[in-house]
Amino acid sequence: IVAAWVAAPPPAPPTTDPLPAPTSDGPVPTAD
């Protein structure tokens, strides 16, 4: 398990903004 784990790609950093960036067509729709 350890050998397979250390050979796997590392994770990306955590993010506080999981939504995609707004586009030029307007803001990204959300629940509110």
All heavy atoms as atom14 arrays in JSON, in Angstrom:
{
  "sequence": "IVAAWVAAPPPAPPTTDPLPAPTSDGPVPTAD",
  "atom14_mask": [
    [1, 1, 1, 1, 1, 1, 1, 1, 0, 0, 0, 0, 0, 0],
    [1, 1, 1, 1, 1, 1, 1, 0, 0, 0, 0, 0, 0, 0],
    [1, 1, 1, 1, 1, 0, 0, 0, 0, 0, 0, 0, 0, 0],
    [1, 1, 1, 1, 1, 0, 0, 0, 0, 0, 0, 0, 0, 0],
    [1, 1, 1, 1, 1, 1, 1, 1, 1, 1, 1, 1, 1, 1],
    [1, 1, 1, 1, 1, 1, 1, 0, 0, 0, 0, 0, 0, 0],
    [1, 1, 1, 1, 1, 0, 0, 0, 0, 0, 0, 0, 0, 0],
    [1, 1, 1, 1, 1, 0, 0, 0, 0, 0, 0, 0, 0, 0],
    [1, 1, 1, 1, 1, 1, 1, 0, 0, 0, 0, 0, 0, 0],
    [1, 1, 1, 1, 1, 1, 1, 0, 0, 0, 0, 0, 0, 0],
    [1, 1, 1, 1, 1, 1, 1, 0, 0, 0, 0, 0, 0, 0],
    [1, 1, 1, 1, 1, 0, 0, 0, 0, 0, 0, 0, 0, 0],
    [1, 1, 1, 1, 1, 1, 1, 0, 0, 0, 0, 0, 0, 0],
    [1, 1, 1, 1, 1, 1, 1, 0, 0, 0, 0, 0, 0, 0],
    [1, 1, 1, 1, 1, 1, 1, 0, 0, 0, 0, 0, 0, 0],
    [1, 1, 1, 1, 1, 1, 1, 0, 0, 0, 0, 0, 0, 0],
    [1, 1, 1, 1, 1, 1, 1, 1, 0, 0, 0, 0, 0, 0],
    [1, 1, 1, 1, 1, 1, 1, 0, 0, 0, 0, 0, 0, 0],
    [1, 1, 1, 1, 1, 1, 1, 1, 0, 0, 0, 0, 0, 0],
    [1, 1, 1, 1, 1, 1, 1, 0, 0, 0, 0, 0, 0, 0],
    [1, 1, 1, 1, 1, 0, 0, 0, 0, 0, 0, 0, 0, 0],
    [1, 1, 1, 1, 1, 1, 1, 0, 0, 0, 0, 0, 0, 0],
    [1, 1, 1, 1, 1, 1, 1, 0, 0, 0, 0, 0, 0, 0],
    [1, 1, 1, 1, 1, 1, 0, 0, 0, 0, 0, 0, 0, 0],
    [1, 1, 1, 1, 1, 1, 1, 1, 0, 0, 0, 0, 0, 0],
    [1, 1, 1, 1, 0, 0, 0, 0, 0, 0, 0, 0, 0, 0],
    [1, 1, 1, 1, 1, 1, 1, 0, 0, 0, 0, 0, 0, 0],
    [1, 1, 1, 1, 1, 1, 1, 0, 0, 0, 0, 0, 0, 0],
    [1, 1, 1, 1, 1, 1, 1, 0, 0, 0, 0, 0, 0, 0],
    [1, 1, 1, 1, 1, 1, 1, 0, 0, 0, 0, 0, 0, 0],
    [1, 1, 1, 1, 1, 0, 0, 0, 0, 0, 0, 0, 0, 0],
    [1, 1, 1, 1, 1, 1, 1, 1, 0, 0, 0, 0, 0, 0]
  ],
  "atom14_positions": [
    [[0.84, -1.2, 0.0], [0.0, 0.0, 0.0], [0.87, 1.25, 0.0], [0.64, 2.2, -0.76], [-0.95, -0.01, 1.22], [-1.97, -1.14, 1.1], [-1.67, 1.34, 1.35], [-2.77, -1.36, 2.36], [0.0, 0.0, 0.0], [0.0, 0.0, 0.0], [0.0, 0.0, 0.0], [0.0, 0.0, 0.0], [0.0, 0.0, 0.0], [0.0, 0.0, 0.0]],
    [[1.89, 1.27, 0.86], [2.75, 2.44, 0.96], [3.48, 2.7, -0.35], [3.58, 3.85, -0.81], [3.75, 2.26, 2.13], [4.82, 3.36, 2.1], [3.02, 2.28, 3.46], [0.0, 0.0, 0.0], [0.0, 0.0, 0.0], [0.0, 0.0, 0.0], [0.0, 0.0, 0.0], [0.0, 0.0, 0.0], [0.0, 0.0, 0.0], [0.0, 0.0, 0.0]],
    [[3.99, 1.65, -0.98], [4.72, 1.83, -2.24], [3.83, 2.44, -3.32], [4.24, 3.34, -4.06], [5.29, 0.49, -2.7], [0.0, 0.0, 0.0], [0.0, 0.0, 0.0], [0.0, 0.0, 0.0], [0.0, 0.0, 0.0], [0.0, 0.0, 0.0], [0.0, 0.0, 0.0], [0.0, 0.0, 0.0], [0.0, 0.0, 0.0], [0.0, 0.0, 0.0]],
    [[2.58, 1.97, -3.41], [1.66, 2.52, -4.4], [1.28, 3.96, -4.07], [1.15, 4.8, -4.97], [0.41, 1.65, -4.48], [0.0, 0.0, 0.0], [0.0, 0.0, 0.0], [0.0, 0.0, 0.0], [0.0, 0.0, 0.0], [0.0, 0.0, 0.0], [0.0, 0.0, 0.0], [0.0, 0.0, 0.0], [0.0, 0.0, 0.0], [0.0, 0.0, 0.0]],
    [[1.15, 4.24, -2.8], [0.75, 5.58, -2.34], [1.83, 6.62, -2.64], [1.55, 7.69, -3.18], [0.43, 5.49, -0.86], [0.2, 6.76, -0.12], [-0.68, 7.76, -0.42], [0.87, 7.16, 1.08], [-0.62, 8.76, 0.53], [0.32, 8.41, 1.46], [1.85, 6.58, 1.89], [0.74, 9.08, 2.61], [2.25, 7.23, 3.03], [1.71, 8.48, 3.37]],
    [[3.08, 6.32, -2.29], [4.13, 7.31, -2.5], [4.46, 7.48, -3.98], [5.02, 8.51, -4.39], [5.41, 6.96, -1.71], [5.14, 6.92, -0.23], [6.01, 5.64, -2.17], [0.0, 0.0, 0.0], [0.0, 0.0, 0.0], [0.0, 0.0, 0.0], [0.0, 0.0, 0.0], [0.0, 0.0, 0.0], [0.0, 0.0, 0.0], [0.0, 0.0, 0.0]],
    [[4.09, 6.5, -4.82], [4.31, 6.63, -6.26], [3.2, 7.41, -6.94], [3.37, 7.83, -8.09], [4.42, 5.23, -6.89], [0.0, 0.0, 0.0], [0.0, 0.0, 0.0], [0.0, 0.0, 0.0], [0.0, 0.0, 0.0], [0.0, 0.0, 0.0], [0.0, 0.0, 0.0], [0.0, 0.0, 0.0], [0.0, 0.0, 0.0], [0.0, 0.0, 0.0]],
    [[2.09, 7.6, -6.26], [0.96, 8.31, -6.86], [1.22, 9.82, -6.86], [1.99, 10.33, -6.04], [-0.32, 8.01, -6.09], [0.0, 0.0, 0.0], [0.0, 0.0, 0.0], [0.0, 0.0, 0.0], [0.0, 0.0, 0.0], [0.0, 0.0, 0.0], [0.0, 0.0, 0.0], [0.0, 0.0, 0.0], [0.0, 0.0, 0.0], [0.0, 0.0, 0.0]],
    [[0.61, 10.57, -7.79], [0.8, 12.03, -7.82], [0.31, 12.67, -6.52], [-0.67, 12.2, -5.93], [-0.06, 12.47, -9.01], [-0.26, 11.24, -9.84], [-0.26, 10.1, -8.89], [0.0, 0.0, 0.0], [0.0, 0.0, 0.0], [0.0, 0.0, 0.0], [0.0, 0.0, 0.0], [0.0, 0.0, 0.0], [0.0, 0.0, 0.0], [0.0, 0.0, 0.0]],
    [[0.96, 13.73, -6.08], [0.53, 14.42, -4.85], [-0.77, 15.18, -5.1], [-1.12, 15.48, -6.24], [1.68, 15.37, -4.55], [2.31, 15.63, -5.88], [2.17, 14.35, -6.66], [0.0, 0.0, 0.0], [0.0, 0.0, 0.0], [0.0, 0.0, 0.0], [0.0, 0.0, 0.0], [0.0, 0.0, 0.0], [0.0, 0.0, 0.0], [0.0, 0.0, 0.0]],
    [[-1.5, 15.49, -4.04], [-2.76, 16.23, -4.21], [-2.51, 17.71, -4.46], [-1.42, 18.24, -4.2], [-3.47, 16.02, -2.87], [-2.34, 15.89, -1.89], [-1.24, 15.16, -2.63], [0.0, 0.0, 0.0], [0.0, 0.0, 0.0], [0.0, 0.0, 0.0], [0.0, 0.0, 0.0], [0.0, 0.0, 0.0], [0.0, 0.0, 0.0], [0.0, 0.0, 0.0]],
    [[-3.53, 18.38, -4.98], [-3.47, 19.84, -5.13], [-3.76, 20.49, -3.78], [-4.34, 19.86, -2.88], [-4.49, 20.3, -6.17], [0.0, 0.0, 0.0], [0.0, 0.0, 0.0], [0.0, 0.0, 0.0], [0.0, 0.0, 0.0], [0.0, 0.0, 0.0], [0.0, 0.0, 0.0], [0.0, 0.0, 0.0], [0.0, 0.0, 0.0], [0.0, 0.0, 0.0]],
    [[-3.38, 21.75, -3.61], [-3.66, 22.43, -2.34], [-5.16, 22.58, -2.13], [-5.94, 22.59, -3.08], [-2.99, 23.8, -2.51], [-2.02, 23.63, -3.63], [-2.59, 22.59, -4.52], [0.0, 0.0, 0.0], [0.0, 0.0, 0.0], [0.0, 0.0, 0.0], [0.0, 0.0, 0.0], [0.0, 0.0, 0.0], [0.0, 0.0, 0.0], [0.0, 0.0, 0.0]],
    [[-5.59, 22.69, -0.87], [-7.01, 22.94, -0.62], [-7.39, 24.33, -1.12], [-6.53, 25.2, -1.3], [-7.13, 22.85, 0.9], [-5.77, 23.17, 1.41], [-4.81, 22.64, 0.37], [0.0, 0.0, 0.0], [0.0, 0.0, 0.0], [0.0, 0.0, 0.0], [0.0, 0.0, 0.0], [0.0, 0.0, 0.0], [0.0, 0.0, 0.0], [0.0, 0.0, 0.0]],
    [[-8.67, 24.54, -1.37], [-9.12, 25.83, -1.87], [-10.32, 26.28, -1.08], [-11.13, 25.48, -0.62], [-9.48, 25.75, -3.36], [-9.98, 27.0, -3.79], [-10.55, 24.69, -3.61], [0.0, 0.0, 0.0], [0.0, 0.0, 0.0], [0.0, 0.0, 0.0], [0.0, 0.0, 0.0], [0.0, 0.0, 0.0], [0.0, 0.0, 0.0], [0.0, 0.0, 0.0]],
    [[-10.45, 27.59, -0.92], [-11.62, 28.17, -0.28], [-12.6, 28.7, -1.31], [-13.64, 29.26, -0.96], [-11.21, 29.32, 0.66], [-10.48, 30.3, -0.09], [-10.32, 28.8, 1.78], [0.0, 0.0, 0.0], [0.0, 0.0, 0.0], [0.0, 0.0, 0.0], [0.0, 0.0, 0.0], [0.0, 0.0, 0.0], [0.0, 0.0, 0.0], [0.0, 0.0, 0.0]],
    [[-12.27, 28.55, -2.59], [-13.12, 29.06, -3.66], [-13.34, 27.95, -4.68], [-12.7, 27.93, -5.73], [-12.48, 30.29, -4.33], [-13.4, 30.92, -5.38], [-14.61, 30.63, -5.34], [-12.9, 31.68, -6.22], [0.0, 0.0, 0.0], [0.0, 0.0, 0.0], [0.0, 0.0, 0.0], [0.0, 0.0, 0.0], [0.0, 0.0, 0.0], [0.0, 0.0, 0.0]],
    [[-14.22, 26.98, -4.37], [-14.38, 25.84, -5.27], [-15.16, 26.15, -6.53], [-15.19, 25.33, -7.44], [-15.15, 24.84, -4.41], [-15.94, 25.69, -3.48], [-15.08, 26.89, -3.18], [0.0, 0.0, 0.0], [0.0, 0.0, 0.0], [0.0, 0.0, 0.0], [0.0, 0.0, 0.0], [0.0, 0.0, 0.0], [0.0, 0.0, 0.0], [0.0, 0.0, 0.0]],
    [[-15.81, 27.32, -6.61], [-16.6, 27.65, -7.79], [-15.71, 28.16, -8.91], [-14.66, 28.79, -8.65], [-17.65, 28.71, -7.44], [-18.71, 28.28, -6.42], [-19.6, 29.46, -6.08], [-19.53, 27.13, -6.97], [0.0, 0.0, 0.0], [0.0, 0.0, 0.0], [0.0, 0.0, 0.0], [0.0, 0.0, 0.0], [0.0, 0.0, 0.0], [0.0, 0.0, 0.0]],
    [[-16.07, 27.95, -10.16], [-15.25, 28.47, -11.27], [-15.28, 29.99, -11.28], [-16.22, 30.63, -10.79], [-15.94, 27.88, -12.51], [-17.33, 27.55, -12.07], [-17.22, 27.16, -10.63], [0.0, 0.0, 0.0], [0.0, 0.0, 0.0], [0.0, 0.0, 0.0], [0.0, 0.0, 0.0], [0.0, 0.0, 0.0], [0.0, 0.0, 0.0], [0.0, 0.0, 0.0]],
    [[-14.22, 30.57, -11.83], [-14.12, 32.03, -11.9], [-15.21, 32.59, -12.81], [-15.59, 31.96, -13.8], [-12.74, 32.43, -12.39], [0.0, 0.0, 0.0], [0.0, 0.0, 0.0], [0.0, 0.0, 0.0], [0.0, 0.0, 0.0], [0.0, 0.0, 0.0], [0.0, 0.0, 0.0], [0.0, 0.0, 0.0], [0.0, 0.0, 0.0], [0.0, 0.0, 0.0]],
    [[-15.72, 33.79, -12.51], [-16.72, 34.42, -13.39], [-16.17, 34.61, -14.8], [-14.98, 34.86, -15.0], [-17.0, 35.76, -12.7], [-16.58, 35.57, -11.29], [-15.43, 34.61, -11.33], [0.0, 0.0, 0.0], [0.0, 0.0, 0.0], [0.0, 0.0, 0.0], [0.0, 0.0, 0.0], [0.0, 0.0, 0.0], [0.0, 0.0, 0.0], [0.0, 0.0, 0.0]],
    [[-17.05, 34.5, -15.8], [-16.64, 34.69, -17.18], [-17.06, 36.07, -17.63], [-17.78, 36.81, -16.94], [-17.3, 33.64, -18.08], [-18.71, 33.85, -18.08], [-17.01, 32.23, -17.56], [0.0, 0.0, 0.0], [0.0, 0.0, 0.0], [0.0, 0.0, 0.0], [0.0, 0.0, 0.0], [0.0, 0.0, 0.0], [0.0, 0.0, 0.0], [0.0, 0.0, 0.0]],
    [[-16.64, 36.42, -18.84], [-16.99, 37.73, -19.38], [-18.48, 37.85, -19.69], [-19.01, 38.94, -19.89], [-16.19, 37.99, -20.66], [-16.45, 36.96, -21.62], [0.0, 0.0, 0.0], [0.0, 0.0, 0.0], [0.0, 0.0, 0.0], [0.0, 0.0, 0.0], [0.0, 0.0, 0.0], [0.0, 0.0, 0.0], [0.0, 0.0, 0.0], [0.0, 0.0, 0.0]],
    [[-19.18, 36.71, -19.73], [-20.61, 36.72, -20.03], [-21.46, 37.06, -18.81], [-22.67, 37.19, -18.91], [-21.05, 35.36, -20.57], [-20.39, 35.06, -21.91], [-20.06, 36.01, -22.62], [-20.19, 33.86, -22.19], [0.0, 0.0, 0.0], [0.0, 0.0, 0.0], [0.0, 0.0, 0.0], [0.0, 0.0, 0.0], [0.0, 0.0, 0.0], [0.0, 0.0, 0.0]],
    [[-20.83, 37.17, -17.65], [-21.59, 37.52, -16.46], [-21.19, 36.65, -15.29], [-20.36, 35.74, -15.42], [0.0, 0.0, 0.0], [0.0, 0.0, 0.0], [0.0, 0.0, 0.0], [0.0, 0.0, 0.0], [0.0, 0.0, 0.0], [0.0, 0.0, 0.0], [0.0, 0.0, 0.0], [0.0, 0.0, 0.0], [0.0, 0.0, 0.0], [0.0, 0.0, 0.0]],
    [[-21.77, 36.9, -14.14], [-21.41, 36.14, -12.94], [-21.89, 34.69, -13.04], [-22.82, 34.38, -13.78], [-22.13, 36.88, -11.82], [-23.29, 37.56, -12.5], [-22.77, 37.94, -13.87], [0.0, 0.0, 0.0], [0.0, 0.0, 0.0], [0.0, 0.0, 0.0], [0.0, 0.0, 0.0], [0.0, 0.0, 0.0], [0.0, 0.0, 0.0], [0.0, 0.0, 0.0]],
    [[-21.22, 33.81, -12.28], [-21.57, 32.41, -12.26], [-22.82, 32.22, -11.42], [-22.91, 32.73, -10.3], [-20.42, 31.56, -11.68], [-20.83, 30.11, -11.55], [-19.18, 31.71, -12.55], [0.0, 0.0, 0.0], [0.0, 0.0, 0.0], [0.0, 0.0, 0.0], [0.0, 0.0, 0.0], [0.0, 0.0, 0.0], [0.0, 0.0, 0.0], [0.0, 0.0, 0.0]],
    [[-23.85, 31.51, -11.92], [-25.05, 31.29, -11.12], [-24.75, 30.48, -9.87], [-23.92, 29.57, -9.89], [-25.97, 30.49, -12.06], [-25.44, 30.74, -13.43], [-23.96, 30.94, -13.27], [0.0, 0.0, 0.0], [0.0, 0.0, 0.0], [0.0, 0.0, 0.0], [0.0, 0.0, 0.0], [0.0, 0.0, 0.0], [0.0, 0.0, 0.0], [0.0, 0.0, 0.0]],
    [[-25.38, 30.81, -8.76], [-25.28, 30.07, -7.52], [-26.68, 29.87, -6.97], [-27.66, 30.36, -7.53], [-24.42, 30.81, -6.48], [-25.06, 32.04, -6.14], [-23.02, 31.08, -7.01], [0.0, 0.0, 0.0], [0.0, 0.0, 0.0], [0.0, 0.0, 0.0], [0.0, 0.0, 0.0], [0.0, 0.0, 0.0], [0.0, 0.0, 0.0], [0.0, 0.0, 0.0]],
    [[-26.77, 29.16, -5.83], [-28.08, 28.87, -5.26], [-28.83, 30.14, -4.89], [-30.05, 30.24, -5.01], [-27.92, 27.97, -4.04], [0.0, 0.0, 0.0], [0.0, 0.0, 0.0], [0.0, 0.0, 0.0], [0.0, 0.0, 0.0], [0.0, 0.0, 0.0], [0.0, 0.0, 0.0], [0.0, 0.0, 0.0], [0.0, 0.0, 0.0], [0.0, 0.0, 0.0]],
    [[-28.07, 31.16, -4.4], [-28.74, 32.41, -4.01], [-28.67, 33.47, -5.12], [-29.08, 34.6, -4.92], [-28.13, 32.96, -2.72], [-26.64, 33.22, -2.86], [-26.06, 32.82, -3.91], [-26.06, 33.78, -1.92], [0.0, 0.0, 0.0], [0.0, 0.0, 0.0], [0.0, 0.0, 0.0], [0.0, 0.0, 0.0], [0.0, 0.0, 0.0], [0.0, 0.0, 0.0]]
  ]
}
